[in-house]
């Protein structure tokens, strides 16, 4: 296994932090999802954060608007 740099380790830590935040958000919604599926989904979303952010950038903070 190749050694990873501190920069890569820090980037992965940020992915895991974002995935944990996403998991908290999804769990607060009362959506029923298997724990393993939730982990896979949130890591996928976090690793693709740039694309997700671009898809959502035109949305308001909450919908429907108050």
PDB file of N, CA and C in Angstrom:
ATOM      1  N   UNK A   1       0.848  -1.175   0.000  1.00  0.00           N
ATOM      2  CA  UNK A   1       0.000   0.000   0.000  1.00  0.00           C
ATOM      3  C   UNK A   1       0.892   1.236   0.000  1.00  0.00           C
ATOM      4  N   UNK A   2       0.579   2.169  -0.868  1.00  0.00           N
ATOM      5  CA  UNK A   2       1.357   3.395  -0.972  1.00  0.00           C
ATOM      6  C   UNK A   2       1.024   4.325   0.183  1.00  0.00           C
ATOM      7  N   UNK A   3       2.036   5.017   0.640  1.00  0.00           N
ATOM      8  CA  UNK A   3       1.831   5.993   1.710  1.00  0.00           C
ATOM      9  C   UNK A   3       1.054   7.179   1.158  1.00  0.00           C
ATOM     10  N   UNK A   4       0.228   7.762   2.005  1.00  0.00           N
ATOM     11  CA  UNK A   4      -0.509   8.946   1.583  1.00  0.00           C
ATOM     12  C   UNK A   4       0.090  10.163   2.271  1.00  0.00           C
ATOM     13  N   UNK A   5      -0.032  11.282   1.599  1.00  0.00           N
ATOM     14  CA  UNK A   5       0.528  12.521   2.139  1.00  0.00           C
ATOM     15  C   UNK A   5      -0.406  13.101   3.197  1.00  0.00           C
ATOM     16  N   UNK A   6       0.133  14.023   3.969  1.00  0.00           N
ATOM     17  CA  UNK A   6      -0.686  14.717   4.961  1.00  0.00           C
ATOM     18  C   UNK A   6      -1.833  15.457   4.267  1.00  0.00           C
ATOM     19  N   UNK A   7      -1.552  16.051   3.111  1.00  0.00           N
ATOM     20  CA  UNK A   7      -2.579  16.778   2.359  1.00  0.00           C
ATOM     21  C   UNK A   7      -3.718  15.835   1.971  1.00  0.00           C
ATOM     22  N   UNK A   8      -3.376  14.626   1.489  1.00  0.00           N
ATOM     23  CA  UNK A   8      -4.401  13.650   1.118  1.00  0.00           C
ATOM     24  C   UNK A   8      -5.176  13.170   2.340  1.00  0.00           C
ATOM     25  N   UNK A   9      -4.477  12.956   3.451  1.00  0.00           N
ATOM     26  CA  UNK A   9      -5.140  12.515   4.684  1.00  0.00           C
ATOM     27  C   UNK A   9      -6.094  13.594   5.194  1.00  0.00           C
ATOM     28  N   UNK A  10      -5.659  14.844   5.133  1.00  0.00           N
ATOM     29  CA  UNK A  10      -6.517  15.947   5.562  1.00  0.00           C
ATOM     30  C   UNK A  10      -7.754  16.069   4.663  1.00  0.00           C
ATOM     31  N   UNK A  11      -7.554  15.887   3.359  1.00  0.00           N
ATOM     32  CA  UNK A  11      -8.681  15.947   2.425  1.00  0.00           C
ATOM     33  C   UNK A  11      -9.681  14.826   2.730  1.00  0.00           C
ATOM     34  N   UNK A  12      -9.177  13.630   3.020  1.00  0.00           N
ATOM     35  CA  UNK A  12     -10.070  12.508   3.328  1.00  0.00           C
ATOM     36  C   UNK A  12     -10.809  12.767   4.642  1.00  0.00           C
ATOM     37  N   UNK A  13     -10.124  13.362   5.617  1.00  0.00           N
ATOM     38  CA  UNK A  13     -10.782  13.714   6.883  1.00  0.00           C
ATOM     39  C   UNK A  13     -11.935  14.688   6.641  1.00  0.00           C
ATOM     40  N   UNK A  14     -11.749  15.637   5.722  1.00  0.00           N
ATOM     41  CA  UNK A  14     -12.817  16.584   5.389  1.00  0.00           C
ATOM     42  C   UNK A  14     -13.991  15.869   4.722  1.00  0.00           C
ATOM     43  N   UNK A  15     -13.696  14.878   3.881  1.00  0.00           N
ATOM     44  CA  UNK A  15     -14.763  14.074   3.263  1.00  0.00           C
ATOM     45  C   UNK A  15     -15.551  13.358   4.347  1.00  0.00           C
ATOM     46  N   UNK A  16     -14.855  12.739   5.282  1.00  0.00           N
ATOM     47  CA  UNK A  16     -15.531  12.002   6.351  1.00  0.00           C
ATOM     48  C   UNK A  16     -16.343  12.932   7.242  1.00  0.00           C
ATOM     49  N   UNK A  17     -15.830  14.123   7.520  1.00  0.00           N
ATOM     50  CA  UNK A  17     -16.589  15.100   8.317  1.00  0.00           C
ATOM     51  C   UNK A  17     -17.861  15.519   7.580  1.00  0.00           C
ATOM     52  N   UNK A  18     -17.740  15.777   6.283  1.00  0.00           N
ATOM     53  CA  UNK A  18     -18.910  16.164   5.493  1.00  0.00           C
ATOM     54  C   UNK A  18     -19.907  15.011   5.435  1.00  0.00           C
ATOM     55  N   UNK A  19     -19.417  13.792   5.286  1.00  0.00           N
ATOM     56  CA  UNK A  19     -20.299  12.623   5.241  1.00  0.00           C
ATOM     57  C   UNK A  19     -21.049  12.478   6.559  1.00  0.00           C
ATOM     58  N   UNK A  20     -20.370  12.715   7.669  1.00  0.00           N
ATOM     59  CA  UNK A  20     -21.031  12.631   8.976  1.00  0.00           C
ATOM     60  C   UNK A  20     -22.118  13.690   9.104  1.00  0.00           C
ATOM     61  N   UNK A  21     -21.842  14.907   8.632  1.00  0.00           N
ATOM     62  CA  UNK A  21     -22.851  15.970   8.662  1.00  0.00           C
ATOM     63  C   UNK A  21     -24.047  15.619   7.784  1.00  0.00           C
ATOM     64  N   UNK A  22     -23.776  15.062   6.611  1.00  0.00           N
ATOM     65  CA  UNK A  22     -24.857  14.633   5.719  1.00  0.00           C
ATOM     66  C   UNK A  22     -25.679  13.525   6.366  1.00  0.00           C
ATOM     67  N   UNK A  23     -25.022  12.590   7.032  1.00  0.00           N
ATOM     68  CA  UNK A  23     -25.733  11.504   7.708  1.00  0.00           C
ATOM     69  C   UNK A  23     -26.648  12.058   8.791  1.00  0.00           C
ATOM     70  N   UNK A  24     -26.155  13.032   9.549  1.00  0.00           N
ATOM     71  CA  UNK A  24     -26.986  13.662  10.585  1.00  0.00           C
ATOM     72  C   UNK A  24     -28.212  14.321   9.965  1.00  0.00           C
ATOM     73  N   UNK A  25     -28.019  15.018   8.850  1.00  0.00           N
ATOM     74  CA  UNK A  25     -29.129  15.679   8.171  1.00  0.00           C
ATOM     75  C   UNK A  25     -30.159  14.657   7.696  1.00  0.00           C
ATOM     76  N   UNK A  26     -29.695  13.598   7.060  1.00  0.00           N
ATOM     77  CA  UNK A  26     -30.610  12.573   6.552  1.00  0.00           C
ATOM     78  C   UNK A  26     -31.329  11.874   7.698  1.00  0.00           C
ATOM     79  N   UNK A  27     -30.602  11.554   8.751  1.00  0.00           N
ATOM     80  CA  UNK A  27     -31.231  10.896   9.904  1.00  0.00           C
ATOM     81  C   UNK A  27     -32.273  11.791  10.558  1.00  0.00           C
ATOM     82  N   UNK A  28     -32.071  13.090  10.548  1.00  0.00           N
ATOM     83  CA  UNK A  28     -33.040  14.014  11.153  1.00  0.00           C
ATOM     84  C   UNK A  28     -34.324  14.113  10.333  1.00  0.00           C
ATOM     85  N   UNK A  29     -34.286  13.641   9.092  1.00  0.00           N
ATOM     86  CA  UNK A  29     -35.450  13.729   8.219  1.00  0.00           C
ATOM     87  C   UNK A  29     -36.436  12.587   8.428  1.00  0.00           C
ATOM     88  N   UNK A  30     -36.070  11.632   9.218  1.00  0.00           N
ATOM     89  CA  UNK A  30     -36.902  10.447   9.467  1.00  0.00           C
ATOM     90  C   UNK A  30     -36.984   9.527   8.254  1.00  0.00           C
ATOM     91  N   UNK A  31     -36.122   9.720   7.263  1.00  0.00           N
ATOM     92  CA  UNK A  31     -36.042   8.783   6.137  1.00  0.00           C
ATOM     93  C   UNK A  31     -35.412   7.505   6.660  1.00  0.00           C
ATOM     94  N   UNK A  32     -36.043   6.394   6.377  1.00  0.00           N
ATOM     95  CA  UNK A  32     -35.506   5.115   6.833  1.00  0.00           C
ATOM     96  C   UNK A  32     -34.510   4.601   5.798  1.00  0.00           C
ATOM     97  N   UNK A  33     -33.282   4.406   6.243  1.00  0.00           N
ATOM     98  CA  UNK A  33     -32.224   3.920   5.367  1.00  0.00           C
ATOM     99  C   UNK A  33     -31.281   3.061   6.187  1.00  0.00           C
ATOM    100  N   UNK A  34     -30.861   1.974   5.618  1.00  0.00           N
ATOM    101  CA  UNK A  34     -29.927   1.068   6.267  1.00  0.00           C
ATOM    102  C   UNK A  34     -28.625   1.814   6.580  1.00  0.00           C
ATOM    103  N   UNK A  35     -28.025   1.515   7.706  1.00  0.00           N
ATOM    104  CA  UNK A  35     -26.808   2.209   8.139  1.00  0.00           C
ATOM    105  C   UNK A  35     -25.682   2.100   7.115  1.00  0.00           C
ATOM    106  N   UNK A  36     -25.490   0.921   6.529  1.00  0.00           N
ATOM    107  CA  UNK A  36     -24.432   0.755   5.524  1.00  0.00           C
ATOM    108  C   UNK A  36     -24.730   1.562   4.267  1.00  0.00           C
ATOM    109  N   UNK A  37     -25.996   1.570   3.847  1.00  0.00           N
ATOM    110  CA  UNK A  37     -26.386   2.361   2.677  1.00  0.00           C
ATOM    111  C   UNK A  37     -26.220   3.854   2.946  1.00  0.00           C
ATOM    112  N   UNK A  38     -26.563   4.278   4.162  1.00  0.00           N
ATOM    113  CA  UNK A  38     -26.408   5.683   4.538  1.00  0.00           C
ATOM    114  C   UNK A  38     -24.939   6.082   4.474  1.00  0.00           C
ATOM    115  N   UNK A  39     -24.066   5.237   4.990  1.00  0.00           N
ATOM    116  CA  UNK A  39     -22.637   5.531   4.957  1.00  0.00           C
ATOM    117  C   UNK A  39     -22.137   5.623   3.516  1.00  0.00           C
ATOM    118  N   UNK A  40     -22.528   4.669   2.692  1.00  0.00           N
ATOM    119  CA  UNK A  40     -22.099   4.672   1.291  1.00  0.00           C
ATOM    120  C   UNK A  40     -22.615   5.909   0.561  1.00  0.00           C
ATOM    121  N   UNK A  41     -23.884   6.248   0.789  1.00  0.00           N
ATOM    122  CA  UNK A  41     -24.490   7.416   0.141  1.00  0.00           C
ATOM    123  C   UNK A  41     -23.792   8.704   0.557  1.00  0.00           C
ATOM    124  N   UNK A  42     -23.582   8.885   1.851  1.00  0.00           N
ATOM    125  CA  UNK A  42     -23.012  10.145   2.321  1.00  0.00           C
ATOM    126  C   UNK A  42     -21.550  10.301   1.901  1.00  0.00           C
ATOM    127  N   UNK A  43     -20.796   9.213   1.868  1.00  0.00           N
ATOM    128  CA  UNK A  43     -19.410   9.306   1.387  1.00  0.00           C
ATOM    129  C   UNK A  43     -19.407   9.621  -0.102  1.00  0.00           C
ATOM    130  N   UNK A  44     -20.329   9.010  -0.857  1.00  0.00           N
ATOM    131  CA  UNK A  44     -20.440   9.325  -2.283  1.00  0.00           C
ATOM    132  C   UNK A  44     -20.745  10.810  -2.482  1.00  0.00           C
ATOM    133  N   UNK A  45     -21.736  11.317  -1.754  1.00  0.00           N
ATOM    134  CA  UNK A  45     -22.101  12.727  -1.891  1.00  0.00           C
ATOM    135  C   UNK A  45     -20.948  13.641  -1.494  1.00  0.00           C
ATOM    136  N   UNK A  46     -20.257  13.292  -0.423  1.00  0.00           N
ATOM    137  CA  UNK A  46     -19.150  14.128   0.040  1.00  0.00           C
ATOM    138  C   UNK A  46     -17.985  14.109  -0.948  1.00  0.00           C
ATOM    139  N   UNK A  47     -17.681  12.951  -1.526  1.00  0.00           N
ATOM    140  CA  UNK A  47     -16.565  12.884  -2.482  1.00  0.00           C
ATOM    141  C   UNK A  47     -16.920  13.556  -3.801  1.00  0.00           C
ATOM    142  N   UNK A  48     -18.196  13.750  -4.035  1.00  0.00           N
ATOM    143  CA  UNK A  48     -18.655  14.432  -5.242  1.00  0.00           C
ATOM    144  C   UNK A  48     -19.254  15.789  -4.891  1.00  0.00           C
ATOM    145  N   UNK A  49     -18.752  16.386  -3.826  1.00  0.00           N
ATOM    146  CA  UNK A  49     -19.287  17.636  -3.314  1.00  0.00           C
ATOM    147  C   UNK A  49     -19.322  18.762  -4.332  1.00  0.00           C
ATOM    148  N   UNK A  50     -18.304  18.860  -5.159  1.00  0.00           N
ATOM    149  CA  UNK A  50     -18.269  19.935  -6.155  1.00  0.00           C
ATOM    150  C   UNK A  50     -19.455  19.809  -7.108  1.00  0.00           C
ATOM    151  N   UNK A  51     -19.706  18.612  -7.603  1.00  0.00           N
ATOM    152  CA  UNK A  51     -20.832  18.395  -8.526  1.00  0.00           C
ATOM    153  C   UNK A  51     -22.166  18.629  -7.819  1.00  0.00           C
ATOM    154  N   UNK A  52     -22.294  18.139  -6.591  1.00  0.00           N
ATOM    155  CA  UNK A  52     -23.533  18.318  -5.825  1.00  0.00           C
ATOM    156  C   UNK A  52     -23.771  19.798  -5.579  1.00  0.00           C
ATOM    157  N   UNK A  53     -22.740  20.499  -5.178  1.00  0.00           N
ATOM    158  CA  UNK A  53     -22.850  21.936  -4.915  1.00  0.00           C
ATOM    159  C   UNK A  53     -23.304  22.680  -6.175  1.00  0.00           C
ATOM    160  N   UNK A  54     -22.751  22.319  -7.327  1.00  0.00           N
ATOM    161  CA  UNK A  54     -23.154  22.974  -8.576  1.00  0.00           C
ATOM    162  C   UNK A  54     -24.610  22.688  -8.912  1.00  0.00           C
ATOM    163  N   UNK A  55     -25.084  21.494  -8.602  1.00  0.00           N
ATOM    164  CA  UNK A  55     -26.483  21.152  -8.870  1.00  0.00           C
ATOM    165  C   UNK A  55     -27.437  21.921  -7.970  1.00  0.00           C
ATOM    166  N   UNK A  56     -27.003  22.241  -6.764  1.00  0.00           N
ATOM    167  CA  UNK A  56     -27.879  22.850  -5.768  1.00  0.00           C
ATOM    168  C   UNK A  56     -27.677  24.354  -5.594  1.00  0.00           C
ATOM    169  N   UNK A  57     -26.713  24.936  -6.281  1.00  0.00           N
ATOM    170  CA  UNK A  57     -26.322  26.317  -6.000  1.00  0.00           C
ATOM    171  C   UNK A  57     -27.422  27.346  -6.224  1.00  0.00           C
ATOM    172  N   UNK A  58     -28.413  27.042  -7.028  1.00  0.00           N
ATOM    173  CA  UNK A  58     -29.468  28.022  -7.296  1.00  0.00           C
ATOM    174  C   UNK A  58     -30.672  27.871  -6.375  1.00  0.00           C
ATOM    175  N   UNK A  59     -30.630  26.921  -5.466  1.00  0.00           N
ATOM    176  CA  UNK A  59     -31.746  26.727  -4.544  1.00  0.00           C
ATOM    177  C   UNK A  59     -31.653  27.696  -3.372  1.00  0.00           C
ATOM    178  N   UNK A  60     -32.778  28.035  -2.833  1.00  0.00           N
ATOM    179  CA  UNK A  60     -32.810  28.838  -1.614  1.00  0.00           C
ATOM    180  C   UNK A  60     -32.495  27.923  -0.436  1.00  0.00           C
ATOM    181  N   UNK A  61     -32.277  28.493   0.733  1.00  0.00           N
ATOM    182  CA  UNK A  61     -31.948  27.703   1.918  1.00  0.00           C
ATOM    183  C   UNK A  61     -33.039  26.700   2.265  1.00  0.00           C
ATOM    184  N   UNK A  62     -34.274  27.069   2.116  1.00  0.00           N
ATOM    185  CA  UNK A  62     -35.351  26.133   2.418  1.00  0.00           C
ATOM    186  C   UNK A  62     -36.389  26.208   1.315  1.00  0.00           C
ATOM    187  N   UNK A  63     -37.080  25.149   1.162  1.00  0.00           N
ATOM    188  CA  UNK A  63     -38.116  25.091   0.129  1.00  0.00           C
ATOM    189  C   UNK A  63     -39.289  24.334   0.707  1.00  0.00           C
ATOM    190  N   UNK A  64     -40.480  24.722   0.522  1.00  0.00           N
ATOM    191  CA  UNK A  64     -40.856  25.942  -0.189  1.00  0.00           C
ATOM    192  C   UNK A  64     -40.528  27.185   0.627  1.00  0.00           C
ATOM    193  N   UNK A  65     -40.443  28.293  -0.068  1.00  0.00           N
ATOM    194  CA  UNK A  65     -40.094  29.548   0.612  1.00  0.00           C
ATOM    195  C   UNK A  65     -41.151  29.895   1.637  1.00  0.00           C
ATOM    196  N   UNK A  66     -40.700  30.468   2.718  1.00  0.00           N
ATOM    197  CA  UNK A  66     -41.612  30.855   3.805  1.00  0.00           C
ATOM    198  C   UNK A  66     -42.473  32.030   3.419  1.00  0.00           C
TER     199      UNK A  66
END
